């Protein structure tokens, strides 16, 4: 569990990205989901769209279920 979170905390969201890691991107998006009351379906649609928009090879999750599994590892719930 620790190794997975550690890897996600240093893996860039996409090649050349200097502002977001895999984990930071998930945390910021999940925080926005919670603050705005988005449904899981809305959040999955947003993740799918962002995955398409970002550069090829990006590491962004494409559905709420996968993202939630990482948050649960950190004992976080939204």
N, C-alpha and C. Protein backbone atom coordinates (compact mmCIF):
# COMPACT_ATOMS: atom_id res chain seq x y z
N UNK A 1 0.83 -1.19 0.00
CA UNK A 1 0.00 0.00 0.00
C UNK A 1 0.88 1.25 0.00
N UNK A 2 1.85 1.31 0.89
CA UNK A 2 2.72 2.47 0.98
C UNK A 2 3.48 2.69 -0.32
N UNK A 3 3.99 1.61 -0.90
CA UNK A 3 4.75 1.73 -2.15
C UNK A 3 3.88 2.26 -3.29
N UNK A 4 2.63 1.81 -3.34
CA UNK A 4 1.72 2.29 -4.37
C UNK A 4 1.46 3.78 -4.23
N UNK A 5 1.20 4.22 -3.02
CA UNK A 5 0.96 5.66 -2.78
C UNK A 5 2.22 6.47 -3.05
N UNK A 6 3.36 5.92 -2.66
CA UNK A 6 4.63 6.61 -2.91
C UNK A 6 4.86 6.78 -4.41
N UNK A 7 4.62 5.71 -5.16
CA UNK A 7 4.79 5.78 -6.62
C UNK A 7 3.84 6.81 -7.23
N UNK A 8 2.57 6.79 -6.78
CA UNK A 8 1.60 7.75 -7.30
C UNK A 8 1.95 9.18 -6.95
N UNK A 9 2.67 9.37 -5.84
CA UNK A 9 3.02 10.73 -5.41
C UNK A 9 4.20 11.29 -6.20
N UNK A 10 4.93 10.45 -6.94
CA UNK A 10 6.05 10.96 -7.73
C UNK A 10 5.86 10.79 -9.23
N UNK A 11 4.85 9.99 -9.64
CA UNK A 11 4.58 9.78 -11.06
C UNK A 11 3.89 11.02 -11.63
N UNK A 12 4.48 11.58 -12.66
CA UNK A 12 3.89 12.76 -13.30
C UNK A 12 2.58 12.38 -13.98
N UNK A 13 1.65 13.32 -14.03
CA UNK A 13 0.36 13.07 -14.65
C UNK A 13 0.51 12.74 -16.13
N UNK A 14 1.49 13.36 -16.77
CA UNK A 14 1.85 13.03 -18.14
C UNK A 14 3.28 13.50 -18.36
N UNK A 15 3.92 12.99 -19.38
CA UNK A 15 5.30 13.32 -19.66
C UNK A 15 5.46 14.83 -19.86
N UNK A 16 6.35 15.42 -19.10
CA UNK A 16 6.59 16.86 -19.20
C UNK A 16 5.75 17.69 -18.25
N UNK A 17 4.82 17.08 -17.55
CA UNK A 17 3.97 17.82 -16.61
C UNK A 17 4.78 18.17 -15.37
N UNK A 18 4.80 19.43 -15.03
CA UNK A 18 5.57 19.84 -13.86
C UNK A 18 4.69 20.22 -12.68
N UNK A 19 3.39 20.35 -12.89
CA UNK A 19 2.52 20.83 -11.84
C UNK A 19 1.75 19.78 -11.07
N UNK A 20 1.54 18.60 -11.67
CA UNK A 20 0.70 17.60 -11.03
C UNK A 20 1.31 16.22 -11.10
N UNK A 21 1.21 15.52 -9.99
CA UNK A 21 1.53 14.10 -9.97
C UNK A 21 0.22 13.32 -10.07
N UNK A 22 0.34 12.04 -10.24
CA UNK A 22 -0.82 11.17 -10.33
C UNK A 22 -1.70 11.33 -9.09
N UNK A 23 -1.09 11.31 -7.91
CA UNK A 23 -1.84 11.41 -6.66
C UNK A 23 -2.39 12.81 -6.43
N UNK A 24 -1.61 13.84 -6.70
CA UNK A 24 -2.09 15.20 -6.50
C UNK A 24 -3.28 15.51 -7.41
N UNK A 25 -3.22 15.05 -8.65
CA UNK A 25 -4.34 15.25 -9.57
C UNK A 25 -5.61 14.61 -9.04
N UNK A 26 -5.48 13.39 -8.53
CA UNK A 26 -6.64 12.70 -7.97
C UNK A 26 -7.19 13.43 -6.75
N UNK A 27 -6.32 13.86 -5.86
CA UNK A 27 -6.78 14.54 -4.65
C UNK A 27 -7.48 15.85 -4.98
N UNK A 28 -6.92 16.62 -5.90
CA UNK A 28 -7.55 17.90 -6.26
C UNK A 28 -8.90 17.69 -6.93
N UNK A 29 -8.98 16.72 -7.85
CA UNK A 29 -10.25 16.44 -8.52
C UNK A 29 -11.29 15.89 -7.55
N UNK A 30 -10.88 15.01 -6.65
CA UNK A 30 -11.81 14.44 -5.67
C UNK A 30 -12.31 15.50 -4.71
N UNK A 31 -11.45 16.42 -4.34
CA UNK A 31 -11.84 17.52 -3.47
C UNK A 31 -12.89 18.38 -4.16
N UNK A 32 -12.69 18.65 -5.44
CA UNK A 32 -13.65 19.43 -6.21
C UNK A 32 -14.99 18.69 -6.32
N UNK A 33 -14.93 17.38 -6.51
CA UNK A 33 -16.15 16.55 -6.56
C UNK A 33 -16.93 16.70 -5.26
N UNK A 34 -16.25 16.59 -4.15
CA UNK A 34 -16.91 16.65 -2.85
C UNK A 34 -17.49 18.03 -2.57
N UNK A 35 -16.72 19.09 -2.87
CA UNK A 35 -17.18 20.45 -2.61
C UNK A 35 -18.41 20.82 -3.43
N UNK A 36 -18.51 20.26 -4.64
CA UNK A 36 -19.59 20.63 -5.54
C UNK A 36 -20.72 19.61 -5.60
N UNK A 37 -20.62 18.55 -4.83
CA UNK A 37 -21.70 17.57 -4.76
C UNK A 37 -21.92 16.79 -6.05
N UNK A 38 -20.86 16.54 -6.81
CA UNK A 38 -21.00 15.78 -8.05
C UNK A 38 -21.32 14.33 -7.74
N UNK A 39 -22.12 13.71 -8.58
CA UNK A 39 -22.39 12.29 -8.44
C UNK A 39 -21.19 11.50 -8.95
N UNK A 40 -21.16 10.22 -8.62
CA UNK A 40 -20.08 9.36 -9.11
C UNK A 40 -20.10 9.29 -10.64
N UNK A 41 -21.30 9.28 -11.22
CA UNK A 41 -21.43 9.25 -12.67
C UNK A 41 -20.86 10.53 -13.30
N UNK A 42 -21.18 11.69 -12.70
CA UNK A 42 -20.63 12.96 -13.21
C UNK A 42 -19.11 12.96 -13.14
N UNK A 43 -18.59 12.45 -12.03
CA UNK A 43 -17.14 12.44 -11.83
C UNK A 43 -16.46 11.52 -12.84
N UNK A 44 -17.06 10.36 -13.09
CA UNK A 44 -16.50 9.44 -14.08
C UNK A 44 -16.48 10.09 -15.46
N UNK A 45 -17.56 10.78 -15.81
CA UNK A 45 -17.62 11.46 -17.11
C UNK A 45 -16.53 12.52 -17.22
N UNK A 46 -16.30 13.26 -16.13
CA UNK A 46 -15.24 14.26 -16.14
C UNK A 46 -13.87 13.60 -16.30
N UNK A 47 -13.62 12.52 -15.56
CA UNK A 47 -12.33 11.83 -15.67
C UNK A 47 -12.10 11.31 -17.09
N UNK A 48 -13.14 10.75 -17.70
CA UNK A 48 -13.01 10.26 -19.07
C UNK A 48 -12.68 11.38 -20.04
N UNK A 49 -13.35 12.51 -19.88
CA UNK A 49 -13.10 13.66 -20.75
C UNK A 49 -11.68 14.20 -20.56
N UNK A 50 -11.28 14.38 -19.32
CA UNK A 50 -9.93 14.88 -19.05
C UNK A 50 -8.87 13.93 -19.58
N UNK A 51 -9.11 12.65 -19.46
CA UNK A 51 -8.16 11.65 -19.98
C UNK A 51 -7.98 11.82 -21.49
N UNK A 52 -9.08 12.10 -22.19
CA UNK A 52 -9.01 12.33 -23.64
C UNK A 52 -8.32 13.63 -23.98
N UNK A 53 -8.54 14.67 -23.17
CA UNK A 53 -7.97 15.99 -23.43
C UNK A 53 -6.48 16.04 -23.18
N UNK A 54 -6.04 15.39 -22.10
CA UNK A 54 -4.62 15.42 -21.73
C UNK A 54 -3.78 14.69 -22.77
N UNK A 55 -2.48 14.93 -22.73
CA UNK A 55 -1.57 14.30 -23.66
C UNK A 55 -1.65 12.78 -23.61
N UNK A 56 -1.37 12.16 -24.74
CA UNK A 56 -1.38 10.71 -24.82
C UNK A 56 -0.37 10.14 -23.81
N UNK A 57 -0.75 9.06 -23.18
CA UNK A 57 0.12 8.44 -22.19
C UNK A 57 -0.08 8.99 -20.79
N UNK A 58 -1.10 9.85 -20.59
CA UNK A 58 -1.34 10.40 -19.25
C UNK A 58 -1.78 9.29 -18.31
N UNK A 59 -1.58 9.53 -17.01
CA UNK A 59 -1.86 8.50 -16.01
C UNK A 59 -3.14 8.76 -15.22
N UNK A 60 -3.97 9.66 -15.71
CA UNK A 60 -5.21 9.99 -15.02
C UNK A 60 -6.16 8.80 -15.05
N UNK A 61 -6.80 8.52 -13.91
CA UNK A 61 -7.79 7.46 -13.86
C UNK A 61 -8.96 7.84 -14.75
N UNK A 62 -9.69 6.83 -15.21
CA UNK A 62 -10.79 7.11 -16.11
C UNK A 62 -12.15 6.80 -15.51
N UNK A 63 -12.19 6.37 -14.26
CA UNK A 63 -13.49 6.19 -13.63
C UNK A 63 -13.41 6.37 -12.12
N UNK A 64 -14.53 6.66 -11.54
CA UNK A 64 -14.62 6.95 -10.12
C UNK A 64 -14.19 5.75 -9.27
N UNK A 65 -14.54 4.56 -9.68
CA UNK A 65 -14.24 3.37 -8.90
C UNK A 65 -12.73 3.21 -8.70
N UNK A 66 -11.95 3.36 -9.78
CA UNK A 66 -10.49 3.22 -9.67
C UNK A 66 -9.91 4.32 -8.77
N UNK A 67 -10.40 5.53 -8.92
CA UNK A 67 -9.93 6.64 -8.11
C UNK A 67 -10.27 6.42 -6.63
N UNK A 68 -11.46 5.93 -6.38
CA UNK A 68 -11.90 5.71 -5.00
C UNK A 68 -11.06 4.66 -4.30
N UNK A 69 -10.60 3.64 -5.05
CA UNK A 69 -9.74 2.62 -4.45
C UNK A 69 -8.46 3.24 -3.88
N UNK A 70 -7.90 4.22 -4.57
CA UNK A 70 -6.69 4.89 -4.08
C UNK A 70 -7.01 5.71 -2.84
N UNK A 71 -8.12 6.42 -2.87
CA UNK A 71 -8.51 7.23 -1.71
C UNK A 71 -8.75 6.36 -0.49
N UNK A 72 -9.31 5.18 -0.70
CA UNK A 72 -9.56 4.27 0.43
C UNK A 72 -8.25 3.80 1.04
N UNK A 73 -7.21 3.64 0.22
CA UNK A 73 -5.90 3.28 0.76
C UNK A 73 -5.38 4.33 1.73
N UNK A 74 -5.81 5.56 1.49
CA UNK A 74 -5.38 6.67 2.35
C UNK A 74 -6.37 6.93 3.48
N UNK A 75 -7.35 6.05 3.64
CA UNK A 75 -8.40 6.18 4.65
C UNK A 75 -9.22 7.44 4.45
N UNK A 76 -9.43 7.82 3.19
CA UNK A 76 -10.25 8.98 2.86
C UNK A 76 -11.54 8.52 2.23
N UNK A 77 -12.62 9.19 2.57
CA UNK A 77 -13.90 8.90 1.94
C UNK A 77 -14.58 10.22 1.56
N UNK A 78 -15.23 10.19 0.41
CA UNK A 78 -15.99 11.36 -0.03
C UNK A 78 -17.41 10.96 -0.21
